[in-house]
Amino acid sequence: MEDQNCHVCNSSRIKPYFCLKTNGLISLRCEKCSHVFIKNSPINADNSSEFYTMDDFKGKRKLQDKSWYMNYYNDCFANYEDSMSSSSVLKQFKEKAEYLSSKFSEPCRLLDVGCATGVFLNMMKKKGWDVEGIEISEELASYVRSNFSIKTHTKDLTREKLIGEPFHVITLFDVIEHIPDPNLMISACKSLLAPGGILLMRTPTEEGLLRDIAKTIYRMSLKKIEFPMHWFYSFEHIHSFSFNTLSAILEKHGFSVIKVFREEESLGRINIPGHIRAITKSVGLLSALLNKQHKMVAIARK
């Protein structure tokens, strides 16, 4: 509230957005730039590694309903190539790998921040790129090293410097929304990029159609129907960016945004009842037509 300024525009005009009674989550919204963020997440710079372990990656999440996510990342391990033809998330990684390769005349240096099990890094390594990862979980970092032989640092970039040659590309897939102060992460990435280097970030968007429907149900039920809100707002996702707020925070740090596009979440990875899955799948098709998919990808140049 009054004691917390907006991380995007630094405005003090922060107002309550909603409060979920089921879990006590409090969301705030900036009146100036409309950025949405969580006030009372237990995650902070001192304890973040406790919430992103291998168990959390596999779906045993401490701050969300475990039953929804038990198979969420089961296609992102060392045998990922077996699932390439059927996995939406792997296809999306492959698209990013091909896009980045097309932007450079020869393989370059890439850093993946929050690299988890290292699948995207291995895709780029197979294209001849010199790759490194950063992962705050030592268990996940060890997995990348042992399964893909990729140099992976166990660091928090918002607090620790990474020493070495600059990178031509830095990627953050579903990371920036988890960072207590995203300014620190973006600033750290900028310092590690070579002149003209590319920063690619993917994050859920506040402007997704499914999220809009969840908020509409919540409001029209006089705040009594909360469960759809829990799919989109959690203590783990501290920040919820829109096109404007994500572009604004990148430009604030001197980046030039060269491309922003949206892509859908893979609903097949979430354990929800069949009838709800059918409804969300139909809405997903409409989201694509309206360009209001759940995820947003921003590509910016230093």
C-alpha atoms as a PDB file:
ATOM      1  CA  MET A   1       0.000   0.000   0.000  1.00  0.00           C
ATOM      2  CA  GLU A   2       1.424   3.410   0.957  1.00  0.00           C
ATOM      3  CA  ASP A   3       4.725   1.874   2.108  1.00  0.00           C
ATOM      4  CA  GLN A   4       5.469   0.209  -1.228  1.00  0.00           C
ATOM      5  CA  ASN A   5       6.243   2.033  -4.473  1.00  0.00           C
ATOM      6  CA  CYS A   6       5.666   0.610  -7.932  1.00  0.00           C
ATOM      7  CA  HIS A   7       8.656  -1.321  -9.278  1.00  0.00           C
ATOM      8  CA  VAL A   8       7.903  -0.175 -12.820  1.00  0.00           C
ATOM      9  CA  CYS A   9       7.301   3.585 -12.523  1.00  0.00           C
ATOM     10  CA  ASN A  10       8.241   4.183  -8.852  1.00  0.00           C
ATOM     11  CA  SER A  11       4.881   5.814  -8.187  1.00  0.00           C
ATOM     12  CA  SER A  12       3.573   5.819  -4.615  1.00  0.00           C
ATOM     13  CA  ARG A  13      -0.011   5.754  -5.902  1.00  0.00           C
ATOM     14  CA  ILE A  14      -0.556   2.115  -4.968  1.00  0.00           C
ATOM     15  CA  LYS A  15      -4.041   0.843  -4.205  1.00  0.00           C
ATOM     16  CA  PRO A  16      -5.515  -2.538  -3.196  1.00  0.00           C
ATOM     17  CA  TYR A  17      -6.550  -4.608  -6.214  1.00  0.00           C
ATOM     18  CA  PHE A  18      -8.052  -7.710  -4.604  1.00  0.00           C
ATOM     19  CA  CYS A  19      -7.619  -9.993  -1.593  1.00  0.00           C
ATOM     20  CA  LEU A  20      -8.283 -13.725  -1.821  1.00  0.00           C
ATOM     21  CA  LYS A  21      -9.921 -15.028   1.352  1.00  0.00           C
ATOM     22  CA  THR A  22      -8.959 -18.656   0.732  1.00  0.00           C
ATOM     23  CA  ASN A  23      -5.219 -18.102   1.065  1.00  0.00           C
ATOM     24  CA  GLY A  24      -4.950 -14.456   2.154  1.00  0.00           C
ATOM     25  CA  LEU A  25      -3.137 -13.308  -0.967  1.00  0.00           C
ATOM     26  CA  ILE A  26      -3.152  -9.498  -1.271  1.00  0.00           C
ATOM     27  CA  SER A  27      -2.721  -7.939  -4.709  1.00  0.00           C
ATOM     28  CA  LEU A  28      -1.911  -4.278  -5.324  1.00  0.00           C
ATOM     29  CA  ARG A  29      -2.177  -2.128  -8.443  1.00  0.00           C
ATOM     30  CA  CYS A  30      -0.349   1.036  -9.440  1.00  0.00           C
ATOM     31  CA  GLU A  31      -2.767   3.815 -10.333  1.00  0.00           C
ATOM     32  CA  LYS A  32      -0.193   5.450 -12.605  1.00  0.00           C
ATOM     33  CA  CYS A  33       1.028   2.592 -14.829  1.00  0.00           C
ATOM     34  CA  SER A  34      -1.443  -0.207 -13.818  1.00  0.00           C
ATOM     35  CA  HIS A  35       1.279  -2.654 -12.791  1.00  0.00           C
ATOM     36  CA  VAL A  36      -0.084  -5.466 -10.596  1.00  0.00           C
ATOM     37  CA  PHE A  37       1.946  -7.160  -7.880  1.00  0.00           C
ATOM     38  CA  ILE A  38       1.568  -9.207  -4.721  1.00  0.00           C
ATOM     39  CA  LYS A  39       2.078  -7.431  -1.414  1.00  0.00           C
ATOM     40  CA  ASN A  40       2.444 -10.337   0.997  1.00  0.00           C
ATOM     41  CA  SER A  41       4.450 -13.027  -0.778  1.00  0.00           C
ATOM     42  CA  PRO A  42       6.672 -14.915   1.685  1.00  0.00           C
ATOM     43  CA  ILE A  43       9.372 -15.082  -1.013  1.00  0.00           C
ATOM     44  CA  ASN A  44      12.193 -12.591  -0.679  1.00  0.00           C
ATOM     45  CA  ALA A  45      15.821 -12.196  -1.717  1.00  0.00           C
ATOM     46  CA  ASP A  46      17.032 -14.100   1.347  1.00  0.00           C
ATOM     47  CA  ASN A  47      14.892 -17.227   1.032  1.00  0.00           C
ATOM     48  CA  SER A  48      13.981 -17.629  -2.661  1.00  0.00           C
ATOM     49  CA  SER A  49      16.090 -20.770  -3.133  1.00  0.00           C
ATOM     50  CA  GLU A  50      13.857 -22.552  -0.597  1.00  0.00           C
ATOM     51  CA  PHE A  51      10.855 -22.282  -2.948  1.00  0.00           C
ATOM     52  CA  TYR A  52      12.472 -23.441  -6.208  1.00  0.00           C
ATOM     53  CA  THR A  53      13.877 -26.896  -5.481  1.00  0.00           C
ATOM     54  CA  MET A  54      13.761 -29.982  -7.692  1.00  0.00           C
ATOM     55  CA  ASP A  55      10.598 -31.054  -5.862  1.00  0.00           C
ATOM     56  CA  ASP A  56       8.970 -27.706  -6.628  1.00  0.00           C
ATOM     57  CA  PHE A  57       9.977 -28.056 -10.275  1.00  0.00           C
ATOM     58  CA  LYS A  58       8.371 -31.493 -10.396  1.00  0.00           C
ATOM     59  CA  GLY A  59       5.104 -30.065  -9.091  1.00  0.00           C
ATOM     60  CA  LYS A  60       5.316 -30.449  -5.312  1.00  0.00           C
ATOM     61  CA  ARG A  61       4.916 -26.710  -4.841  1.00  0.00           C
ATOM     62  CA  LYS A  62       4.907 -25.226  -1.371  1.00  0.00           C
ATOM     63  CA  LEU A  63       2.661 -22.246  -2.133  1.00  0.00           C
ATOM     64  CA  GLN A  64       0.190 -23.669  -4.662  1.00  0.00           C
ATOM     65  CA  ASP A  65      -2.199 -26.612  -4.966  1.00  0.00           C
ATOM     66  CA  LYS A  66       0.166 -29.521  -5.630  1.00  0.00           C
ATOM     67  CA  SER A  67      -2.456 -31.605  -7.438  1.00  0.00           C
ATOM     68  CA  TRP A  68      -2.627 -29.114 -10.329  1.00  0.00           C
ATOM     69  CA  TYR A  69       1.055 -29.252 -11.239  1.00  0.00           C
ATOM     70  CA  MET A  70       2.277 -32.806 -10.654  1.00  0.00           C
ATOM     71  CA  ASN A  71       2.961 -33.367 -14.374  1.00  0.00           C
ATOM     72  CA  TYR A  72       3.720 -29.785 -15.312  1.00  0.00           C
ATOM     73  CA  TYR A  73       7.385 -30.209 -16.258  1.00  0.00           C
ATOM     74  CA  ASN A  74       7.599 -33.960 -16.836  1.00  0.00           C
ATOM     75  CA  ASP A  75       8.716 -33.329 -20.440  1.00  0.00           C
ATOM     76  CA  CYS A  76      11.674 -31.127 -19.419  1.00  0.00           C
ATOM     77  CA  PHE A  77      14.289 -33.623 -18.348  1.00  0.00           C
ATOM     78  CA  ALA A  78      17.264 -35.346 -19.983  1.00  0.00           C
ATOM     79  CA  ASN A  79      15.030 -37.463 -22.241  1.00  0.00           C
ATOM     80  CA  TYR A  80      13.152 -34.396 -23.517  1.00  0.00           C
ATOM     81  CA  GLU A  81      13.777 -35.266 -27.171  1.00  0.00           C
ATOM     82  CA  ASP A  82      11.369 -38.194 -26.829  1.00  0.00           C
ATOM     83  CA  SER A  83       8.562 -35.646 -26.291  1.00  0.00           C
ATOM     84  CA  MET A  84       9.518 -33.062 -28.917  1.00  0.00           C
ATOM     85  CA  SER A  85       6.647 -33.904 -31.261  1.00  0.00           C
ATOM     86  CA  SER A  86       3.943 -33.747 -28.577  1.00  0.00           C
ATOM     87  CA  SER A  87       5.103 -31.145 -26.052  1.00  0.00           C
ATOM     88  CA  SER A  88       3.966 -27.543 -26.529  1.00  0.00           C
ATOM     89  CA  VAL A  89       6.608 -26.163 -24.186  1.00  0.00           C
ATOM     90  CA  LEU A  90       9.415 -27.971 -26.038  1.00  0.00           C
ATOM     91  CA  LYS A  91       8.091 -26.706 -29.366  1.00  0.00           C
ATOM     92  CA  GLN A  92       8.106 -23.179 -27.939  1.00  0.00           C
ATOM     93  CA  PHE A  93      11.699 -23.610 -26.753  1.00  0.00           C
ATOM     94  CA  LYS A  94      12.640 -24.860 -30.212  1.00  0.00           C
ATOM     95  CA  GLU A  95      11.021 -21.811 -31.825  1.00  0.00           C
ATOM     96  CA  LYS A  96      13.074 -19.498 -29.572  1.00  0.00           C
ATOM     97  CA  ALA A  97      16.254 -21.413 -30.367  1.00  0.00           C
ATOM     98  CA  GLU A  98      15.637 -21.062 -34.094  1.00  0.00           C
ATOM     99  CA  TYR A  99      14.743 -17.374 -33.759  1.00  0.00           C
ATOM    100  CA  LEU A 100      17.910 -16.532 -31.819  1.00  0.00           C
ATOM    101  CA  SER A 101      20.092 -18.531 -34.206  1.00  0.00           C
ATOM    102  CA  SER A 102      18.629 -16.593 -37.133  1.00  0.00           C
ATOM    103  CA  LYS A 103      19.662 -13.286 -35.543  1.00  0.00           C
ATOM    104  CA  PHE A 104      23.373 -14.103 -35.521  1.00  0.00           C
ATOM    105  CA  SER A 105      25.589 -15.122 -38.417  1.00  0.00           C
ATOM    106  CA  GLU A 106      27.395 -17.646 -36.227  1.00  0.00           C
ATOM    107  CA  PRO A 107      26.867 -19.288 -32.833  1.00  0.00           C
ATOM    108  CA  CYS A 108      27.475 -16.905 -29.933  1.00  0.00           C
ATOM    109  CA  ARG A 109      27.461 -16.844 -26.133  1.00  0.00           C
ATOM    110  CA  LEU A 110      24.159 -17.375 -24.313  1.00  0.00           C
ATOM    111  CA  LEU A 111      23.189 -17.274 -20.638  1.00  0.00           C
ATOM    112  CA  ASP A 112      19.878 -18.776 -19.484  1.00  0.00           C
ATOM    113  CA  VAL A 113      18.828 -17.319 -16.124  1.00  0.00           C
ATOM    114  CA  GLY A 114      16.656 -19.673 -14.105  1.00  0.00           C
ATOM    115  CA  CYS A 115      17.640 -22.503 -16.416  1.00  0.00           C
ATOM    116  CA  ALA A 116      15.944 -25.224 -14.298  1.00  0.00           C
ATOM    117  CA  THR A 117      16.875 -28.621 -15.822  1.00  0.00           C
ATOM    118  CA  GLY A 118      18.765 -27.076 -18.756  1.00  0.00           C
ATOM    119  CA  VAL A 119      16.622 -28.206 -21.681  1.00  0.00           C
ATOM    120  CA  PHE A 120      16.761 -24.903 -23.570  1.00  0.00           C
ATOM    121  CA  LEU A 121      20.491 -24.608 -22.918  1.00  0.00           C
ATOM    122  CA  ASN A 122      21.038 -28.046 -24.417  1.00  0.00           C
ATOM    123  CA  MET A 123      19.034 -27.092 -27.521  1.00  0.00           C
ATOM    124  CA  MET A 124      21.310 -24.085 -28.038  1.00  0.00           C
ATOM    125  CA  LYS A 125      24.419 -26.140 -27.274  1.00  0.00           C
ATOM    126  CA  LYS A 126      23.441 -28.557 -30.058  1.00  0.00           C
ATOM    127  CA  LYS A 127      23.338 -25.552 -32.401  1.00  0.00           C
ATOM    128  CA  GLY A 128      26.979 -24.860 -31.548  1.00  0.00           C
ATOM    129  CA  TRP A 129      26.408 -22.025 -29.090  1.00  0.00           C
ATOM    130  CA  ASP A 130      28.655 -21.420 -26.073  1.00  0.00           C
ATOM    131  CA  VAL A 131      26.086 -21.683 -23.274  1.00  0.00           C
ATOM    132  CA  GLU A 132      25.975 -21.193 -19.517  1.00  0.00           C
ATOM    133  CA  GLY A 133      23.147 -21.349 -17.008  1.00  0.00           C
ATOM    134  CA  ILE A 134      22.226 -19.762 -13.708  1.00  0.00           C
ATOM    135  CA  GLU A 135      19.988 -21.554 -11.239  1.00  0.00           C
ATOM    136  CA  ILE A 136      19.472 -20.684  -7.558  1.00  0.00           C
ATOM    137  CA  SER A 137      18.722 -24.331  -6.769  1.00  0.00           C
ATOM    138  CA  GLU A 138      21.940 -26.312  -6.397  1.00  0.00           C
ATOM    139  CA  GLU A 139      19.976 -29.525  -6.996  1.00  0.00           C
ATOM    140  CA  LEU A 140      18.699 -28.289 -10.372  1.00  0.00           C
ATOM    141  CA  ALA A 141      22.087 -26.808 -11.293  1.00  0.00           C
ATOM    142  CA  SER A 142      23.752 -30.157 -10.561  1.00  0.00           C
ATOM    143  CA  TYR A 143      21.213 -31.877 -12.787  1.00  0.00           C
ATOM    144  CA  VAL A 144      22.186 -29.627 -15.709  1.00  0.00           C
ATOM    145  CA  ARG A 145      25.890 -30.210 -15.150  1.00  0.00           C
ATOM    146  CA  SER A 146      25.615 -33.989 -14.839  1.00  0.00           C
ATOM    147  CA  ASN A 147      23.094 -34.600 -17.636  1.00  0.00           C
ATOM    148  CA  PHE A 148      24.135 -32.014 -20.242  1.00  0.00           C
ATOM    149  CA  SER A 149      27.718 -31.096 -19.222  1.00  0.00           C
ATOM    150  CA  ILE A 150      26.820 -27.403 -19.271  1.00  0.00           C
ATOM    151  CA  LYS A 151      28.469 -24.849 -16.997  1.00  0.00           C
ATOM    152  CA  THR A 152      25.774 -23.790 -14.528  1.00  0.00           C
ATOM    153  CA  HIS A 153      26.238 -21.264 -11.747  1.00  0.00           C
ATOM    154  CA  THR A 154      24.358 -21.360  -8.450  1.00  0.00           C
ATOM    155  CA  LYS A 155      23.872 -17.640  -7.969  1.00  0.00           C
ATOM    156  CA  ASP A 156      21.258 -14.994  -7.355  1.00  0.00           C
ATOM    157  CA  LEU A 157      22.023 -12.389 -10.023  1.00  0.00           C
ATOM    158  CA  THR A 158      20.139  -9.715  -8.090  1.00  0.00           C
ATOM    159  CA  ARG A 159      22.737 -10.012  -5.298  1.00  0.00           C
ATOM    160  CA  GLU A 160      25.853 -11.616  -6.782  1.00  0.00           C
ATOM    161  CA  LYS A 161      27.958 -10.689  -9.797  1.00  0.00           C
ATOM    162  CA  LEU A 162      28.850 -13.149 -12.531  1.00  0.00           C
ATOM    163  CA  ILE A 163      32.435 -12.693 -13.703  1.00  0.00           C
ATOM    164  CA  GLY A 164      33.428 -13.535 -17.265  1.00  0.00           C
ATOM    165  CA  GLU A 165      33.114 -12.587 -20.902  1.00  0.00           C
ATOM    166  CA  PRO A 166      29.922 -10.776 -21.937  1.00  0.00           C
ATOM    167  CA  PHE A 167      27.033 -12.681 -23.481  1.00  0.00           C
ATOM    168  CA  HIS A 168      25.333 -11.991 -26.795  1.00  0.00           C
ATOM    169  CA  VAL A 169      21.977 -13.344 -25.560  1.00  0.00           C
ATOM    170  CA  ILE A 170      20.410 -13.700 -22.119  1.00  0.00           C
ATOM    171  CA  THR A 171      17.128 -15.560 -21.703  1.00  0.00           C
ATOM    172  CA  LEU A 172      14.685 -15.649 -18.785  1.00  0.00           C
ATOM    173  CA  PHE A 173      11.821 -18.096 -19.255  1.00  0.00           C
ATOM    174  CA  ASP A 174       9.085 -17.640 -16.643  1.00  0.00           C
ATOM    175  CA  VAL A 175      11.509 -15.999 -14.230  1.00  0.00           C
ATOM    176  CA  ILE A 176      10.963 -12.241 -14.005  1.00  0.00           C
ATOM    177  CA  GLU A 177       7.544 -12.608 -12.344  1.00  0.00           C
ATOM    178  CA  HIS A 178       9.227 -14.465  -9.447  1.00  0.00           C
ATOM    179  CA  ILE A 179      11.807 -11.767  -8.649  1.00  0.00           C
ATOM    180  CA  PRO A 180      10.990  -9.528  -5.640  1.00  0.00           C
ATOM    181  CA  ASP A 181      12.604  -6.515  -7.363  1.00  0.00           C
ATOM    182  CA  PRO A 182      12.690  -7.091 -11.143  1.00  0.00           C
ATOM    183  CA  ASN A 183      14.768  -3.935 -11.605  1.00  0.00           C
ATOM    184  CA  LEU A 184      17.739  -5.656  -9.989  1.00  0.00           C
ATOM    185  CA  MET A 185      17.488  -8.612 -12.364  1.00  0.00           C
ATOM    186  CA  ILE A 186      17.119  -6.495 -15.512  1.00  0.00           C
ATOM    187  CA  SER A 187      20.031  -4.274 -14.462  1.00  0.00           C
ATOM    188  CA  ALA A 188      22.214  -7.326 -13.790  1.00  0.00           C
ATOM    189  CA  CYS A 189      21.362  -8.814 -17.188  1.00  0.00           C
ATOM    190  CA  LYS A 190      22.206  -5.551 -18.925  1.00  0.00           C
ATOM    191  CA  SER A 191      25.636  -5.481 -17.284  1.00  0.00           C
ATOM    192  CA  LEU A 192      26.345  -9.000 -18.597  1.00  0.00           C
ATOM    193  CA  LEU A 193      25.284  -8.330 -22.188  1.00  0.00           C
ATOM    194  CA  ALA A 194      27.660  -7.303 -24.950  1.00  0.00           C
ATOM    195  CA  PRO A 195      26.790  -4.076 -26.818  1.00  0.00           C
ATOM    196  CA  GLY A 196      23.831  -4.841 -29.082  1.00  0.00           C
ATOM    197  CA  GLY A 197      23.106  -8.011 -27.133  1.00  0.00           C
ATOM    198  CA  ILE A 198      19.597  -9.450 -26.859  1.00  0.00           C
ATOM    199  CA  LEU A 199      17.512 -10.020 -23.734  1.00  0.00           C
ATOM    200  CA  LEU A 200      14.589 -12.415 -24.211  1.00  0.00           C
ATOM    201  CA  MET A 201      12.019 -12.731 -21.426  1.00  0.00           C
ATOM    202  CA  ARG A 202       8.844 -14.816 -21.203  1.00  0.00           C
ATOM    203  CA  THR A 203       6.276 -14.184 -18.478  1.00  0.00           C
ATOM    204  CA  PRO A 204       2.546 -14.609 -17.876  1.00  0.00           C
ATOM    205  CA  THR A 205       0.641 -11.493 -18.911  1.00  0.00           C
ATOM    206  CA  GLU A 206      -1.956  -9.563 -16.947  1.00  0.00           C
ATOM    207  CA  GLU A 207      -3.836  -9.115 -20.237  1.00  0.00           C
ATOM    208  CA  GLY A 208      -4.579 -12.777 -20.970  1.00  0.00           C
ATOM    209  CA  LEU A 209      -8.179 -13.683 -21.831  1.00  0.00           C
ATOM    210  CA  LEU A 210      -8.364 -16.594 -19.384  1.00  0.00           C
ATOM    211  CA  ARG A 211      -7.158 -14.285 -16.628  1.00  0.00           C
ATOM    212  CA  ASP A 212      -9.765 -11.683 -17.621  1.00  0.00           C
ATOM    213  CA  ILE A 213     -12.483 -14.340 -17.347  1.00  0.00           C
ATOM    214  CA  ALA A 214     -11.241 -15.424 -13.914  1.00  0.00           C
ATOM    215  CA  LYS A 215     -11.387 -11.812 -12.686  1.00  0.00           C
ATOM    216  CA  THR A 216     -14.863 -11.345 -14.171  1.00  0.00           C
ATOM    217  CA  ILE A 217     -16.173 -14.466 -12.416  1.00  0.00           C
ATOM    218  CA  TYR A 218     -14.596 -13.294  -9.164  1.00  0.00           C
ATOM    219  CA  ARG A 219     -16.200  -9.857  -9.352  1.00  0.00           C
ATOM    220  CA  MET A 220     -19.616 -10.959 -10.629  1.00  0.00           C
ATOM    221  CA  SER A 221     -19.858 -13.544  -7.833  1.00  0.00           C
ATOM    222  CA  LEU A 222     -19.220 -10.730  -5.335  1.00  0.00           C
ATOM    223  CA  LYS A 223     -15.765 -12.211  -4.631  1.00  0.00           C
ATOM    224  CA  LYS A 224     -17.182 -15.602  -3.625  1.00  0.00           C
ATOM    225  CA  ILE A 225     -15.850 -17.719  -6.522  1.00  0.00           C
ATOM    226  CA  GLU A 226     -12.089 -17.595  -6.093  1.00  0.00           C
ATOM    227  CA  PHE A 227     -10.681 -20.834  -7.469  1.00  0.00           C
ATOM    228  CA  PRO A 228     -10.065 -19.592 -11.062  1.00  0.00           C
ATOM    229  CA  MET A 229      -8.065 -16.688  -9.598  1.00  0.00           C
ATOM    230  CA  HIS A 230      -5.683 -19.150  -7.962  1.00  0.00           C
ATOM    231  CA  TRP A 231      -4.614 -20.377 -11.397  1.00  0.00           C
ATOM    232  CA  PHE A 232      -3.310 -16.933 -12.293  1.00  0.00           C
ATOM    233  CA  TYR A 233      -2.391 -15.243  -9.028  1.00  0.00           C
ATOM    234  CA  SER A 234      -0.088 -16.918  -6.539  1.00  0.00           C
ATOM    235  CA  PHE A 235       2.504 -16.046  -3.922  1.00  0.00           C
ATOM    236  CA  GLU A 236       5.179 -17.323  -6.351  1.00  0.00           C
ATOM    237  CA  HIS A 237       4.189 -14.891  -9.118  1.00  0.00           C
ATOM    238  CA  ILE A 238       5.000 -11.651  -7.344  1.00  0.00           C
ATOM    239  CA  HIS A 239       4.598  -9.488 -10.465  1.00  0.00           C
ATOM    240  CA  SER A 240       2.002  -9.554 -13.232  1.00  0.00           C
ATOM    241  CA  PHE A 241       3.201  -7.577 -16.250  1.00  0.00           C
ATOM    242  CA  SER A 242       1.203  -6.160 -19.136  1.00  0.00           C
ATOM    243  CA  PHE A 243       2.616  -5.233 -22.543  1.00  0.00           C
ATOM    244  CA  ASN A 244       2.993  -1.630 -21.399  1.00  0.00           C
ATOM    245  CA  THR A 245       4.552  -2.313 -18.004  1.00  0.00           C
ATOM    246  CA  LEU A 246       7.032  -4.899 -19.291  1.00  0.00           C
ATOM    247  CA  SER A 247       8.076  -2.566 -22.107  1.00  0.00           C
ATOM    248  CA  ALA A 248       8.331   0.344 -19.667  1.00  0.00           C
ATOM    249  CA  ILE A 249      10.607  -1.434 -17.205  1.00  0.00           C
ATOM    250  CA  LEU A 250      12.900  -2.598 -20.013  1.00  0.00           C
ATOM    251  CA  GLU A 251      13.087   0.884 -21.517  1.00  0.00           C
ATOM    252  CA  LYS A 252      13.750   2.349 -18.063  1.00  0.00           C
ATOM    253  CA  HIS A 253      16.964   0.335 -18.015  1.00  0.00           C
ATOM    254  CA  GLY A 254      18.025   1.482 -21.460  1.00  0.00           C
ATOM    255  CA  PHE A 255      16.814  -1.470 -23.518  1.00  0.00           C
ATOM    256  CA  SER A 256      15.151  -1.038 -26.888  1.00  0.00           C
ATOM    257  CA  VAL A 257      12.161  -3.364 -27.217  1.00  0.00           C
ATOM    258  CA  ILE A 258      12.293  -4.862 -30.698  1.00  0.00           C
ATOM    259  CA  LYS A 259       9.524  -7.458 -30.509  1.00  0.00           C
ATOM    260  CA  VAL A 260       6.700  -8.540 -28.206  1.00  0.00           C
ATOM    261  CA  PHE A 261       4.415 -11.458 -28.930  1.00  0.00           C
ATOM    262  CA  ARG A 262       2.131 -13.794 -27.025  1.00  0.00           C
ATOM    263  CA  GLU A 263       1.857 -17.553 -26.772  1.00  0.00           C
ATOM    264  CA  GLU A 264      -0.509 -19.886 -24.952  1.00  0.00           C
ATOM    265  CA  GLU A 265       0.114 -21.960 -21.888  1.00  0.00           C
ATOM    266  CA  SER A 266       0.114 -25.717 -22.476  1.00  0.00           C
ATOM    267  CA  LEU A 267      -3.124 -26.653 -20.720  1.00  0.00           C
ATOM    268  CA  GLY A 268      -2.371 -30.344 -21.119  1.00  0.00           C
ATOM    269  CA  ARG A 269       0.295 -29.999 -18.413  1.00  0.00           C
ATOM    270  CA  ILE A 270      -2.196 -28.902 -15.738  1.00  0.00           C
ATOM    271  CA  ASN A 271      -4.233 -31.498 -13.826  1.00  0.00           C
ATOM    272  CA  ILE A 272      -7.754 -30.107 -14.084  1.00  0.00           C
ATOM    273  CA  PRO A 273     -11.119 -31.882 -14.650  1.00  0.00           C
ATOM    274  CA  GLY A 274     -11.965 -32.792 -18.231  1.00  0.00           C
ATOM    275  CA  HIS A 275     -14.933 -30.449 -18.569  1.00  0.00           C
ATOM    276  CA  ILE A 276     -12.882 -27.482 -17.326  1.00  0.00           C
ATOM    277  CA  ARG A 277     -10.055 -28.461 -19.679  1.00  0.00           C
ATOM    278  CA  ALA A 278     -12.481 -28.474 -22.616  1.00  0.00           C
ATOM    279  CA  ILE A 279     -13.760 -25.014 -21.708  1.00  0.00           C
ATOM    280  CA  THR A 280     -10.268 -23.563 -21.263  1.00  0.00           C
ATOM    281  CA  LYS A 281      -9.151 -25.127 -24.535  1.00  0.00           C
ATOM    282  CA  SER A 282     -12.009 -23.394 -26.358  1.00  0.00           C
ATOM    283  CA  VAL A 283     -11.174 -20.107 -24.677  1.00  0.00           C
ATOM    284  CA  GLY A 284      -7.554 -20.670 -25.665  1.00  0.00           C
ATOM    285  CA  LEU A 285      -8.546 -20.780 -29.325  1.00  0.00           C
ATOM    286  CA  LEU A 286     -10.375 -17.485 -28.891  1.00  0.00           C
ATOM    287  CA  SER A 287      -7.357 -16.060 -27.068  1.00  0.00           C
ATOM    288  CA  ALA A 288      -5.196 -16.750 -30.107  1.00  0.00           C
ATOM    289  CA  LEU A 289      -7.660 -14.962 -32.385  1.00  0.00           C
ATOM    290  CA  LEU A 290      -7.735 -11.943 -30.064  1.00  0.00           C
ATOM    291  CA  ASN A 291      -3.980 -12.044 -29.349  1.00  0.00           C
ATOM    292  CA  LYS A 292      -4.702 -12.439 -25.655  1.00  0.00           C
ATOM    293  CA  GLN A 293      -2.825 -15.637 -24.838  1.00  0.00           C
ATOM    294  CA  HIS A 294      -1.577 -16.343 -21.324  1.00  0.00           C
ATOM    295  CA  LYS A 295       2.161 -15.843 -21.894  1.00  0.00           C
ATOM    296  CA  MET A 296       4.053 -12.842 -23.278  1.00  0.00           C
ATOM    297  CA  VAL A 297       7.533 -12.866 -24.815  1.00  0.00           C
ATOM    298  CA  ALA A 298       9.541  -9.645 -24.981  1.00  0.00           C
ATOM    299  CA  ILE A 299      12.768  -9.334 -26.975  1.00  0.00           C
ATOM    300  CA  ALA A 300      14.915  -6.288 -26.277  1.00  0.00           C
ATOM    301  CA  ARG A 301      18.315  -5.061 -27.424  1.00  0.00           C
ATOM    302  CA  LYS A 302      20.950  -3.415 -25.260  1.00  0.00           C
END
